[in-house]
Amino acid sequence: MTTETATDTAPTATAAASAAASTAPDAATADPRALTIPNVERVLDELRPYLMADGGNVEIVEIDGPVVKVRLQGACGSCPSSTMTLKMGIERKLREAIPEVSEVIQVL
């Protein structure tokens, strides 16, 4: 015959706090609509297959307030349609996913 008390089976406050902390999202993934480099990369990763199919790619240079600065690479860097790709493709998708984005500009 065994006797268990409430203190034997109840988790301690420290254990509960540790469990909550280990499952809490970090700042980068807490809000997928926040203007952060990981969130911008996530959106660009959705577009990359289309750019790569035409021999190009895109990289983040910096985020300056609500402005995202990118560099088009490969065939995209010298393509006559790169402005259309930047504004109607990349900028539109980023603004839909991350409302804080006001503009996307290309840096060379």
N, C-alpha and C. Protein backbone atom coordinates (compact mmCIF):
# COMPACT_ATOMS: atom_id res chain seq x y z
N MET A 1 0.84 -1.16 0.00
CA MET A 1 0.00 0.00 0.00
C MET A 1 0.90 1.23 0.00
N THR A 2 0.71 2.08 -1.02
CA THR A 2 1.52 3.29 -1.10
C THR A 2 0.64 4.50 -0.83
N THR A 3 1.24 5.48 -0.26
CA THR A 3 0.53 6.73 -0.01
C THR A 3 1.24 7.85 -0.74
N GLU A 4 0.47 8.55 -1.52
CA GLU A 4 1.04 9.70 -2.24
C GLU A 4 0.41 10.95 -1.68
N THR A 5 1.21 11.94 -1.53
CA THR A 5 0.68 13.23 -1.09
C THR A 5 0.65 14.16 -2.27
N ALA A 6 -0.07 15.24 -2.13
CA ALA A 6 -0.20 16.21 -3.22
C ALA A 6 1.16 16.79 -3.59
N THR A 7 2.05 16.90 -2.64
CA THR A 7 3.36 17.47 -2.92
C THR A 7 4.24 16.52 -3.72
N ASP A 8 3.95 15.22 -3.67
CA ASP A 8 4.74 14.26 -4.42
C ASP A 8 4.44 14.33 -5.91
N THR A 9 3.22 14.64 -6.29
CA THR A 9 2.83 14.57 -7.69
C THR A 9 2.66 15.93 -8.34
N ALA A 10 2.51 16.99 -7.59
CA ALA A 10 2.29 18.32 -8.16
C ALA A 10 3.61 18.90 -8.65
N PRO A 11 3.61 19.48 -9.85
CA PRO A 11 4.85 20.10 -10.33
C PRO A 11 5.17 21.34 -9.52
N THR A 12 6.43 21.60 -9.39
CA THR A 12 6.84 22.77 -8.64
C THR A 12 6.67 24.01 -9.50
N ALA A 13 6.66 25.16 -8.87
CA ALA A 13 6.53 26.43 -9.61
C ALA A 13 7.71 26.60 -10.56
N THR A 14 8.88 26.20 -10.14
CA THR A 14 10.07 26.32 -10.98
C THR A 14 9.96 25.43 -12.21
N ALA A 15 9.48 24.23 -12.04
CA ALA A 15 9.32 23.31 -13.17
C ALA A 15 8.28 23.85 -14.14
N ALA A 16 7.19 24.40 -13.62
CA ALA A 16 6.15 24.95 -14.48
C ALA A 16 6.68 26.15 -15.25
N ALA A 17 7.46 27.00 -14.61
CA ALA A 17 8.02 28.17 -15.28
C ALA A 17 9.01 27.75 -16.36
N SER A 18 9.79 26.74 -16.08
CA SER A 18 10.74 26.25 -17.08
C SER A 18 10.03 25.67 -18.29
N ALA A 19 8.96 24.94 -18.05
CA ALA A 19 8.20 24.35 -19.16
C ALA A 19 7.58 25.45 -20.00
N ALA A 20 7.04 26.48 -19.37
CA ALA A 20 6.43 27.58 -20.12
C ALA A 20 7.48 28.33 -20.92
N ALA A 21 8.63 28.55 -20.34
CA ALA A 21 9.70 29.27 -21.04
C ALA A 21 10.22 28.49 -22.24
N SER A 22 10.27 27.17 -22.11
CA SER A 22 10.80 26.36 -23.22
C SER A 22 9.83 26.28 -24.38
N THR A 23 8.53 26.50 -24.14
CA THR A 23 7.56 26.46 -25.22
C THR A 23 7.19 27.85 -25.72
N ALA A 24 7.66 28.90 -25.07
CA ALA A 24 7.35 30.26 -25.51
C ALA A 24 8.09 30.56 -26.81
N PRO A 25 7.41 31.20 -27.77
CA PRO A 25 8.07 31.53 -29.03
C PRO A 25 9.10 32.63 -28.82
N ASP A 26 10.17 32.58 -29.61
CA ASP A 26 11.15 33.66 -29.49
C ASP A 26 10.62 34.87 -30.25
N ALA A 27 11.30 36.00 -30.14
CA ALA A 27 10.83 37.25 -30.71
C ALA A 27 10.70 37.20 -32.22
N ALA A 28 11.56 36.46 -32.89
CA ALA A 28 11.55 36.41 -34.35
C ALA A 28 10.31 35.68 -34.88
N THR A 29 9.82 34.71 -34.15
CA THR A 29 8.67 33.95 -34.64
C THR A 29 7.39 34.32 -33.92
N ALA A 30 7.45 35.23 -32.97
CA ALA A 30 6.27 35.58 -32.20
C ALA A 30 5.19 36.19 -33.09
N ASP A 31 5.55 37.05 -34.02
CA ASP A 31 4.59 37.68 -34.90
C ASP A 31 5.08 37.58 -36.34
N PRO A 32 4.49 36.71 -37.13
CA PRO A 32 4.96 36.53 -38.51
C PRO A 32 4.73 37.75 -39.38
N ARG A 33 3.98 38.74 -38.89
CA ARG A 33 3.72 39.95 -39.66
C ARG A 33 4.61 41.11 -39.24
N ALA A 34 5.53 40.87 -38.30
CA ALA A 34 6.46 41.91 -37.86
C ALA A 34 7.56 42.08 -38.90
N LEU A 35 8.05 43.30 -39.01
CA LEU A 35 9.11 43.60 -39.96
C LEU A 35 10.46 43.22 -39.36
N THR A 36 10.83 41.97 -39.57
CA THR A 36 12.11 41.44 -39.10
C THR A 36 12.79 40.73 -40.26
N ILE A 37 14.10 40.58 -40.18
CA ILE A 37 14.83 39.89 -41.24
C ILE A 37 14.32 38.45 -41.42
N PRO A 38 14.12 37.68 -40.35
CA PRO A 38 13.60 36.32 -40.57
C PRO A 38 12.24 36.30 -41.27
N ASN A 39 11.37 37.24 -40.96
CA ASN A 39 10.06 37.27 -41.61
C ASN A 39 10.16 37.68 -43.07
N VAL A 40 11.05 38.64 -43.38
CA VAL A 40 11.26 39.04 -44.77
C VAL A 40 11.86 37.87 -45.54
N GLU A 41 12.81 37.17 -44.94
CA GLU A 41 13.41 35.99 -45.59
C GLU A 41 12.35 34.92 -45.87
N ARG A 42 11.44 34.74 -44.93
CA ARG A 42 10.37 33.75 -45.11
C ARG A 42 9.54 34.08 -46.34
N VAL A 43 9.19 35.36 -46.52
CA VAL A 43 8.40 35.76 -47.68
C VAL A 43 9.23 35.63 -48.96
N LEU A 44 10.49 36.04 -48.91
CA LEU A 44 11.35 35.92 -50.09
C LEU A 44 11.56 34.46 -50.48
N ASP A 45 11.61 33.57 -49.49
CA ASP A 45 11.76 32.14 -49.78
C ASP A 45 10.58 31.61 -50.60
N GLU A 46 9.40 32.20 -50.43
CA GLU A 46 8.25 31.80 -51.23
C GLU A 46 8.41 32.24 -52.69
N LEU A 47 9.12 33.34 -52.91
CA LEU A 47 9.29 33.89 -54.26
C LEU A 47 10.51 33.35 -54.98
N ARG A 48 11.48 32.88 -54.23
CA ARG A 48 12.75 32.44 -54.84
C ARG A 48 12.62 31.40 -55.94
N PRO A 49 11.76 30.40 -55.81
CA PRO A 49 11.65 29.42 -56.90
C PRO A 49 11.32 30.06 -58.25
N TYR A 50 10.50 31.10 -58.25
CA TYR A 50 10.14 31.78 -59.49
C TYR A 50 11.32 32.56 -60.05
N LEU A 51 12.06 33.22 -59.17
CA LEU A 51 13.24 33.97 -59.60
C LEU A 51 14.32 33.02 -60.11
N MET A 52 14.52 31.92 -59.40
CA MET A 52 15.55 30.96 -59.78
C MET A 52 15.22 30.26 -61.10
N ALA A 53 13.94 30.11 -61.39
CA ALA A 53 13.54 29.49 -62.65
C ALA A 53 14.01 30.33 -63.84
N ASP A 54 14.18 31.64 -63.62
CA ASP A 54 14.67 32.53 -64.67
C ASP A 54 16.15 32.86 -64.49
N GLY A 55 16.84 32.15 -63.60
CA GLY A 55 18.27 32.35 -63.41
C GLY A 55 18.63 33.47 -62.46
N GLY A 56 17.72 33.87 -61.59
CA GLY A 56 17.99 34.96 -60.67
C GLY A 56 17.78 34.58 -59.22
N ASN A 57 17.92 35.58 -58.37
CA ASN A 57 17.70 35.40 -56.94
C ASN A 57 17.58 36.79 -56.33
N VAL A 58 17.31 36.85 -55.04
CA VAL A 58 17.21 38.11 -54.32
C VAL A 58 17.80 37.93 -52.93
N GLU A 59 18.47 38.96 -52.44
CA GLU A 59 19.00 38.93 -51.08
C GLU A 59 18.65 40.22 -50.36
N ILE A 60 18.46 40.13 -49.06
CA ILE A 60 18.20 41.31 -48.24
C ILE A 60 19.52 42.00 -47.99
N VAL A 61 19.57 43.31 -48.24
CA VAL A 61 20.76 44.09 -47.92
C VAL A 61 20.59 44.70 -46.53
N GLU A 62 19.44 45.33 -46.29
CA GLU A 62 19.15 45.88 -44.97
C GLU A 62 17.69 46.27 -44.88
N ILE A 63 17.25 46.46 -43.65
CA ILE A 63 15.93 47.00 -43.38
C ILE A 63 16.17 48.35 -42.72
N ASP A 64 15.67 49.40 -43.36
CA ASP A 64 15.87 50.77 -42.88
C ASP A 64 14.50 51.36 -42.56
N GLY A 65 14.09 51.22 -41.31
CA GLY A 65 12.74 51.63 -40.93
C GLY A 65 11.75 50.74 -41.66
N PRO A 66 10.77 51.35 -42.37
CA PRO A 66 9.79 50.53 -43.10
C PRO A 66 10.24 50.18 -44.52
N VAL A 67 11.48 50.53 -44.87
CA VAL A 67 12.00 50.29 -46.22
C VAL A 67 12.91 49.06 -46.21
N VAL A 68 12.63 48.13 -47.11
CA VAL A 68 13.45 46.94 -47.26
C VAL A 68 14.33 47.13 -48.49
N LYS A 69 15.64 47.02 -48.28
CA LYS A 69 16.59 47.17 -49.38
C LYS A 69 17.07 45.78 -49.78
N VAL A 70 16.95 45.48 -51.08
CA VAL A 70 17.32 44.17 -51.58
C VAL A 70 18.27 44.31 -52.76
N ARG A 71 18.95 43.22 -53.05
CA ARG A 71 19.83 43.15 -54.23
C ARG A 71 19.34 42.00 -55.09
N LEU A 72 19.00 42.31 -56.34
CA LEU A 72 18.63 41.27 -57.29
C LEU A 72 19.91 40.68 -57.84
N GLN A 73 19.96 39.36 -57.92
CA GLN A 73 21.18 38.67 -58.33
C GLN A 73 20.96 37.89 -59.61
N GLY A 74 22.07 37.50 -60.21
CA GLY A 74 22.01 36.67 -61.42
C GLY A 74 21.32 37.40 -62.54
N ALA A 75 20.51 36.67 -63.29
CA ALA A 75 19.80 37.24 -64.44
C ALA A 75 18.86 38.37 -64.02
N CYS A 76 18.35 38.33 -62.80
CA CYS A 76 17.44 39.38 -62.34
C CYS A 76 18.13 40.73 -62.22
N GLY A 77 19.42 40.72 -61.93
CA GLY A 77 20.15 41.97 -61.74
C GLY A 77 20.25 42.80 -63.00
N SER A 78 20.28 42.15 -64.15
CA SER A 78 20.44 42.89 -65.41
C SER A 78 19.22 42.81 -66.32
N CYS A 79 18.16 42.22 -65.85
CA CYS A 79 16.95 42.03 -66.67
C CYS A 79 16.21 43.35 -66.84
N PRO A 80 15.73 43.63 -68.05
CA PRO A 80 14.95 44.85 -68.26
C PRO A 80 13.64 44.86 -67.48
N SER A 81 13.15 43.71 -67.09
CA SER A 81 11.90 43.63 -66.32
C SER A 81 12.13 43.63 -64.81
N SER A 82 13.36 43.90 -64.38
CA SER A 82 13.67 43.80 -62.95
C SER A 82 12.86 44.80 -62.12
N THR A 83 12.56 45.99 -62.65
CA THR A 83 11.75 46.95 -61.91
C THR A 83 10.34 46.41 -61.69
N MET A 84 9.79 45.79 -62.71
CA MET A 84 8.46 45.21 -62.58
C MET A 84 8.50 44.05 -61.59
N THR A 85 9.52 43.22 -61.65
CA THR A 85 9.67 42.11 -60.71
C THR A 85 9.76 42.64 -59.29
N LEU A 86 10.54 43.71 -59.10
CA LEU A 86 10.75 44.27 -57.78
C LEU A 86 9.46 44.86 -57.22
N LYS A 87 8.78 45.69 -58.00
CA LYS A 87 7.61 46.41 -57.49
C LYS A 87 6.34 45.55 -57.49
N MET A 88 6.07 44.88 -58.58
CA MET A 88 4.81 44.13 -58.68
C MET A 88 4.90 42.72 -58.10
N GLY A 89 6.09 42.23 -57.93
CA GLY A 89 6.26 40.89 -57.37
C GLY A 89 6.72 40.94 -55.93
N ILE A 90 7.97 41.33 -55.74
CA ILE A 90 8.59 41.30 -54.40
C ILE A 90 7.93 42.28 -53.44
N GLU A 91 7.81 43.55 -53.86
CA GLU A 91 7.23 44.55 -52.96
C GLU A 91 5.77 44.23 -52.63
N ARG A 92 4.99 43.86 -53.62
CA ARG A 92 3.58 43.55 -53.38
C ARG A 92 3.43 42.40 -52.39
N LYS A 93 4.21 41.34 -52.58
CA LYS A 93 4.12 40.17 -51.69
C LYS A 93 4.57 40.53 -50.27
N LEU A 94 5.66 41.30 -50.15
CA LEU A 94 6.12 41.70 -48.82
C LEU A 94 5.09 42.58 -48.11
N ARG A 95 4.49 43.51 -48.85
CA ARG A 95 3.50 44.40 -48.23
C ARG A 95 2.24 43.65 -47.81
N GLU A 96 1.88 42.61 -48.54
CA GLU A 96 0.74 41.78 -48.15
C GLU A 96 1.03 41.01 -46.87
N ALA A 97 2.23 40.44 -46.80
CA ALA A 97 2.59 39.59 -45.66
C ALA A 97 3.01 40.39 -44.43
N ILE A 98 3.65 41.55 -44.67
CA ILE A 98 4.18 42.36 -43.57
C ILE A 98 3.71 43.80 -43.80
N PRO A 99 2.58 44.19 -43.24
CA PRO A 99 1.99 45.51 -43.52
C PRO A 99 2.90 46.70 -43.19
N GLU A 100 3.86 46.52 -42.31
CA GLU A 100 4.75 47.60 -41.93
C GLU A 100 5.69 48.03 -43.08
N VAL A 101 5.88 47.16 -44.07
CA VAL A 101 6.75 47.48 -45.21
C VAL A 101 6.07 48.58 -46.02
N SER A 102 6.81 49.68 -46.24
CA SER A 102 6.25 50.77 -47.06
C SER A 102 6.81 50.76 -48.47
N GLU A 103 8.04 50.24 -48.61
CA GLU A 103 8.68 50.25 -49.93
C GLU A 103 9.80 49.23 -49.96
N VAL A 104 10.05 48.71 -51.14
CA VAL A 104 11.19 47.83 -51.38
C VAL A 104 12.02 48.50 -52.47
N ILE A 105 13.30 48.72 -52.19
CA ILE A 105 14.16 49.34 -53.19
C ILE A 105 15.35 48.45 -53.47
N GLN A 106 15.81 48.57 -54.71
CA GLN A 106 16.96 47.77 -55.15
C GLN A 106 18.23 48.56 -54.95
N VAL A 107 19.22 47.89 -54.38
CA VAL A 107 20.57 48.45 -54.28
C VAL A 107 21.48 47.61 -55.14
N LEU A 108 22.43 48.26 -55.74
CA LEU A 108 23.33 47.56 -56.65
C LEU A 108 24.59 47.13 -55.97
